[in-house]
Amino acid sequence: MERDPYTYVAMSIDPGKPLRLGVSFYTPDLRVEASVLDSGRPYLSIESNEADITVSTSGAGPVTTADLDIARQIFNAAARYLADCERLHDEHQSATSPASGEAA
C-alpha cells in the first residue's frame, strides 16, 4: 500500500510525567541544514512544511563532551540510514528493471 507523503506530529501528556512530543517525517519535502550561529553555537535543523526539529548544544551553551557524543550518534545513524536507502533503492531498481538480455 502506497501513501502520500506526510509529517506526523504527536504530543503525549501523562500525569506525573514530562510532556512528550514525537515528530515523524515521511516526506521527500525536507530541508536539512547544519551551521554555526554568530554566537558560536552549532546546530542541525530538519524541517518540513508542517514541523521542524533543531538540535544544538546543551543549554545552548559551549560544546560539551556529551554534545560531541550526540553529534557522533546523529552522524552514525545518518550514515546507516543513507546506506540502507541506497541498498533498498538499488534492490528496487534491480527488481523493476528488465533482466539483461531481454527486450525492454
N, C-alpha and C. Protein backbone atom coordinates (compact mmCIF):
# COMPACT_ATOMS: atom_id res chain seq x y z
N MET A 1 0.84 -1.19 0.00
CA MET A 1 0.00 0.00 0.00
C MET A 1 0.88 1.24 0.00
N GLU A 2 0.69 2.09 -0.98
CA GLU A 2 1.44 3.34 -1.04
C GLU A 2 0.63 4.45 -0.39
N ARG A 3 1.32 5.36 0.29
CA ARG A 3 0.68 6.50 0.93
C ARG A 3 1.26 7.78 0.37
N ASP A 4 0.49 8.84 0.46
CA ASP A 4 1.02 10.14 0.11
C ASP A 4 2.01 10.57 1.18
N PRO A 5 3.01 11.38 0.82
CA PRO A 5 3.96 11.87 1.81
C PRO A 5 3.25 12.66 2.91
N TYR A 6 3.78 12.57 4.13
CA TYR A 6 3.19 13.31 5.24
C TYR A 6 4.21 13.48 6.36
N THR A 7 3.88 14.41 7.27
CA THR A 7 4.62 14.60 8.50
C THR A 7 3.65 14.33 9.64
N TYR A 8 4.08 13.54 10.63
CA TYR A 8 3.23 13.15 11.74
C TYR A 8 3.79 13.76 13.01
N VAL A 9 2.95 14.52 13.73
CA VAL A 9 3.37 15.14 14.98
C VAL A 9 2.38 14.69 16.06
N ALA A 10 2.91 14.16 17.17
CA ALA A 10 2.05 13.69 18.26
C ALA A 10 2.57 14.25 19.58
N MET A 11 1.64 14.52 20.49
CA MET A 11 2.01 15.00 21.81
C MET A 11 1.32 14.11 22.84
N SER A 12 2.08 13.66 23.84
CA SER A 12 1.54 12.84 24.92
C SER A 12 1.66 13.59 26.23
N ILE A 13 0.56 13.63 26.95
CA ILE A 13 0.56 14.27 28.27
C ILE A 13 0.04 13.23 29.26
N ASP A 14 0.93 12.77 30.14
CA ASP A 14 0.55 11.80 31.16
C ASP A 14 0.81 12.44 32.53
N PRO A 15 -0.16 12.31 33.45
CA PRO A 15 0.03 12.89 34.79
C PRO A 15 1.32 12.38 35.45
N GLY A 16 2.08 13.30 35.98
CA GLY A 16 3.31 12.95 36.68
C GLY A 16 4.49 12.65 35.79
N LYS A 17 4.32 12.77 34.48
CA LYS A 17 5.41 12.50 33.55
C LYS A 17 5.66 13.74 32.69
N PRO A 18 6.88 13.87 32.17
CA PRO A 18 7.15 15.02 31.30
C PRO A 18 6.35 14.94 30.00
N LEU A 19 5.99 16.09 29.47
CA LEU A 19 5.34 16.17 28.16
C LEU A 19 6.24 15.51 27.13
N ARG A 20 5.65 14.77 26.19
CA ARG A 20 6.45 14.10 25.17
C ARG A 20 5.91 14.47 23.80
N LEU A 21 6.83 14.90 22.92
CA LEU A 21 6.49 15.20 21.53
C LEU A 21 7.18 14.19 20.62
N GLY A 22 6.47 13.77 19.60
CA GLY A 22 7.06 12.89 18.60
C GLY A 22 6.84 13.50 17.23
N VAL A 23 7.88 13.54 16.43
CA VAL A 23 7.78 14.07 15.07
C VAL A 23 8.34 13.02 14.13
N SER A 24 7.54 12.64 13.13
CA SER A 24 7.97 11.66 12.14
C SER A 24 7.81 12.29 10.76
N PHE A 25 8.89 12.29 9.99
CA PHE A 25 8.85 12.82 8.64
C PHE A 25 8.76 11.65 7.66
N TYR A 26 7.68 11.61 6.89
CA TYR A 26 7.51 10.61 5.85
C TYR A 26 7.29 11.34 4.52
N THR A 27 8.22 12.21 4.19
CA THR A 27 8.08 13.06 3.03
C THR A 27 9.43 13.39 2.42
N PRO A 28 9.49 13.53 1.10
CA PRO A 28 10.74 13.98 0.48
C PRO A 28 10.89 15.49 0.56
N ASP A 29 9.85 16.17 1.08
CA ASP A 29 9.88 17.63 1.16
C ASP A 29 10.56 18.09 2.44
N LEU A 30 11.79 17.65 2.63
CA LEU A 30 12.55 18.03 3.82
C LEU A 30 13.66 18.99 3.45
N ARG A 31 13.98 19.82 4.40
CA ARG A 31 15.15 20.68 4.29
C ARG A 31 16.03 20.37 5.49
N VAL A 32 17.30 20.13 5.22
CA VAL A 32 18.24 19.80 6.29
C VAL A 32 19.38 20.81 6.22
N GLU A 33 19.74 21.38 7.36
CA GLU A 33 20.79 22.39 7.39
C GLU A 33 21.59 22.22 8.67
N ALA A 34 22.86 22.46 8.56
CA ALA A 34 23.74 22.50 9.73
C ALA A 34 24.61 23.73 9.56
N SER A 35 24.80 24.44 10.64
CA SER A 35 25.61 25.65 10.59
C SER A 35 26.05 26.03 12.00
N VAL A 36 26.73 27.15 12.09
CA VAL A 36 27.14 27.70 13.38
C VAL A 36 26.61 29.12 13.45
N LEU A 37 25.90 29.42 14.53
CA LEU A 37 25.36 30.76 14.73
C LEU A 37 26.50 31.75 15.01
N ASP A 38 26.21 33.04 14.87
CA ASP A 38 27.21 34.07 15.18
C ASP A 38 27.73 33.94 16.61
N SER A 39 26.90 33.41 17.49
CA SER A 39 27.30 33.23 18.89
C SER A 39 28.30 32.09 19.07
N GLY A 40 28.54 31.31 17.99
CA GLY A 40 29.47 30.19 18.06
C GLY A 40 28.81 28.88 18.40
N ARG A 41 27.47 28.85 18.41
CA ARG A 41 26.74 27.62 18.74
C ARG A 41 26.37 26.88 17.47
N PRO A 42 26.80 25.60 17.35
CA PRO A 42 26.42 24.81 16.17
C PRO A 42 24.98 24.31 16.30
N TYR A 43 24.35 24.06 15.15
CA TYR A 43 23.01 23.49 15.18
C TYR A 43 22.78 22.63 13.94
N LEU A 44 21.82 21.72 14.07
CA LEU A 44 21.35 20.87 12.99
C LEU A 44 19.84 21.06 12.94
N SER A 45 19.31 21.34 11.76
CA SER A 45 17.88 21.58 11.61
C SER A 45 17.32 20.66 10.53
N ILE A 46 16.19 20.02 10.83
CA ILE A 46 15.45 19.21 9.86
C ILE A 46 14.03 19.79 9.85
N GLU A 47 13.58 20.21 8.66
CA GLU A 47 12.29 20.87 8.54
C GLU A 47 11.45 20.30 7.41
N SER A 48 10.13 20.27 7.63
CA SER A 48 9.16 20.05 6.57
C SER A 48 8.24 21.27 6.60
N ASN A 49 7.21 21.27 5.75
CA ASN A 49 6.28 22.39 5.79
C ASN A 49 5.45 22.39 7.06
N GLU A 50 5.33 21.22 7.71
CA GLU A 50 4.47 21.09 8.88
C GLU A 50 5.20 21.16 10.22
N ALA A 51 6.47 20.82 10.24
CA ALA A 51 7.19 20.74 11.52
C ALA A 51 8.68 20.91 11.30
N ASP A 52 9.37 21.29 12.35
CA ASP A 52 10.83 21.33 12.27
C ASP A 52 11.43 20.94 13.61
N ILE A 53 12.62 20.39 13.51
CA ILE A 53 13.38 19.95 14.67
C ILE A 53 14.76 20.61 14.59
N THR A 54 15.20 21.15 15.69
CA THR A 54 16.54 21.73 15.74
C THR A 54 17.28 21.10 16.90
N VAL A 55 18.51 20.68 16.64
CA VAL A 55 19.37 20.10 17.66
C VAL A 55 20.56 21.03 17.82
N SER A 56 20.88 21.35 19.08
CA SER A 56 22.05 22.19 19.34
C SER A 56 22.67 21.77 20.66
N THR A 57 23.58 22.56 21.13
CA THR A 57 24.36 22.21 22.31
C THR A 57 23.55 22.28 23.60
N SER A 58 24.02 21.57 24.62
CA SER A 58 23.34 21.51 25.91
C SER A 58 23.14 22.90 26.50
N GLY A 59 21.89 23.22 26.80
CA GLY A 59 21.59 24.51 27.39
C GLY A 59 21.96 25.68 26.50
N ALA A 60 22.12 25.42 25.21
CA ALA A 60 22.53 26.44 24.23
C ALA A 60 23.86 27.07 24.61
N GLY A 61 24.70 26.28 25.29
CA GLY A 61 26.00 26.79 25.72
C GLY A 61 27.15 26.22 24.91
N PRO A 62 28.35 26.27 25.49
CA PRO A 62 29.53 25.75 24.80
C PRO A 62 29.41 24.24 24.54
N VAL A 63 30.11 23.77 23.54
CA VAL A 63 30.07 22.35 23.18
C VAL A 63 30.69 21.52 24.30
N THR A 64 29.93 20.52 24.75
CA THR A 64 30.40 19.64 25.82
C THR A 64 30.77 18.28 25.23
N THR A 65 31.36 17.43 26.05
CA THR A 65 31.67 16.06 25.64
C THR A 65 30.38 15.32 25.30
N ALA A 66 29.32 15.57 26.07
CA ALA A 66 28.02 14.93 25.78
C ALA A 66 27.49 15.39 24.42
N ASP A 67 27.68 16.67 24.09
CA ASP A 67 27.26 17.18 22.78
C ASP A 67 28.01 16.47 21.65
N LEU A 68 29.30 16.25 21.84
CA LEU A 68 30.09 15.52 20.85
C LEU A 68 29.57 14.10 20.67
N ASP A 69 29.24 13.45 21.78
CA ASP A 69 28.71 12.09 21.72
C ASP A 69 27.39 12.05 20.93
N ILE A 70 26.50 13.02 21.20
CA ILE A 70 25.23 13.07 20.48
C ILE A 70 25.46 13.34 19.00
N ALA A 71 26.37 14.26 18.67
CA ALA A 71 26.68 14.56 17.27
C ALA A 71 27.20 13.32 16.55
N ARG A 72 28.03 12.53 17.23
CA ARG A 72 28.53 11.29 16.62
C ARG A 72 27.40 10.29 16.41
N GLN A 73 26.48 10.20 17.37
CA GLN A 73 25.33 9.29 17.21
C GLN A 73 24.48 9.71 16.02
N ILE A 74 24.24 11.02 15.87
CA ILE A 74 23.47 11.52 14.72
C ILE A 74 24.20 11.18 13.43
N PHE A 75 25.50 11.42 13.38
CA PHE A 75 26.31 11.13 12.19
C PHE A 75 26.24 9.65 11.83
N ASN A 76 26.45 8.78 12.81
CA ASN A 76 26.43 7.33 12.56
C ASN A 76 25.05 6.85 12.13
N ALA A 77 24.00 7.37 12.75
CA ALA A 77 22.64 6.98 12.37
C ALA A 77 22.33 7.46 10.96
N ALA A 78 22.74 8.68 10.61
CA ALA A 78 22.51 9.20 9.26
C ALA A 78 23.28 8.38 8.22
N ALA A 79 24.49 7.96 8.54
CA ALA A 79 25.27 7.12 7.62
C ALA A 79 24.59 5.77 7.40
N ARG A 80 24.07 5.18 8.47
CA ARG A 80 23.34 3.91 8.34
C ARG A 80 22.07 4.10 7.51
N TYR A 81 21.35 5.19 7.76
CA TYR A 81 20.13 5.49 7.01
C TYR A 81 20.44 5.64 5.52
N LEU A 82 21.51 6.36 5.20
CA LEU A 82 21.93 6.52 3.80
C LEU A 82 22.26 5.17 3.17
N ALA A 83 23.04 4.36 3.87
CA ALA A 83 23.43 3.05 3.34
C ALA A 83 22.19 2.17 3.11
N ASP A 84 21.24 2.17 4.05
CA ASP A 84 20.03 1.38 3.89
C ASP A 84 19.19 1.89 2.72
N CYS A 85 19.06 3.21 2.60
CA CYS A 85 18.30 3.78 1.47
C CYS A 85 18.94 3.41 0.14
N GLU A 86 20.26 3.52 0.05
CA GLU A 86 20.95 3.18 -1.19
C GLU A 86 20.77 1.70 -1.53
N ARG A 87 20.91 0.84 -0.54
CA ARG A 87 20.76 -0.60 -0.77
C ARG A 87 19.35 -0.93 -1.22
N LEU A 88 18.35 -0.41 -0.53
CA LEU A 88 16.96 -0.70 -0.88
C LEU A 88 16.58 -0.10 -2.22
N HIS A 89 17.09 1.07 -2.53
CA HIS A 89 16.84 1.69 -3.83
C HIS A 89 17.43 0.83 -4.94
N ASP A 90 18.67 0.37 -4.75
CA ASP A 90 19.31 -0.49 -5.74
C ASP A 90 18.55 -1.79 -5.92
N GLU A 91 18.09 -2.39 -4.81
CA GLU A 91 17.32 -3.63 -4.90
C GLU A 91 16.02 -3.40 -5.66
N HIS A 92 15.36 -2.29 -5.39
CA HIS A 92 14.11 -1.96 -6.08
C HIS A 92 14.35 -1.73 -7.57
N GLN A 93 15.43 -1.02 -7.89
CA GLN A 93 15.77 -0.77 -9.30
C GLN A 93 16.06 -2.08 -10.02
N SER A 94 16.79 -2.97 -9.36
CA SER A 94 17.09 -4.27 -9.97
C SER A 94 15.86 -5.10 -10.19
N ALA A 95 14.94 -5.05 -9.24
CA ALA A 95 13.72 -5.86 -9.32
C ALA A 95 12.75 -5.34 -10.37
N THR A 96 12.79 -4.03 -10.64
CA THR A 96 11.83 -3.45 -11.57
C THR A 96 12.40 -3.22 -12.97
N SER A 97 13.72 -3.39 -13.14
CA SER A 97 14.29 -3.20 -14.48
C SER A 97 14.30 -4.53 -15.21
N PRO A 98 14.19 -4.47 -16.55
CA PRO A 98 14.21 -5.71 -17.31
C PRO A 98 15.55 -6.45 -17.11
N ALA A 99 15.47 -7.77 -17.10
CA ALA A 99 16.68 -8.58 -16.94
C ALA A 99 17.59 -8.33 -18.14
N SER A 100 18.90 -8.39 -17.90
CA SER A 100 19.83 -8.15 -19.00
C SER A 100 19.63 -9.20 -20.08
N GLY A 101 19.65 -8.73 -21.31
CA GLY A 101 19.48 -9.64 -22.42
C GLY A 101 18.05 -9.72 -22.91
N GLU A 102 17.07 -9.24 -22.11
CA GLU A 102 15.67 -9.26 -22.52
C GLU A 102 15.33 -7.93 -23.20
N ALA A 103 14.40 -7.97 -24.07
CA ALA A 103 13.94 -6.74 -24.73
C ALA A 103 13.11 -5.94 -23.72
N ALA A 104 13.25 -4.62 -23.78
CA ALA A 104 12.53 -3.76 -22.84
C ALA A 104 11.10 -3.55 -23.24
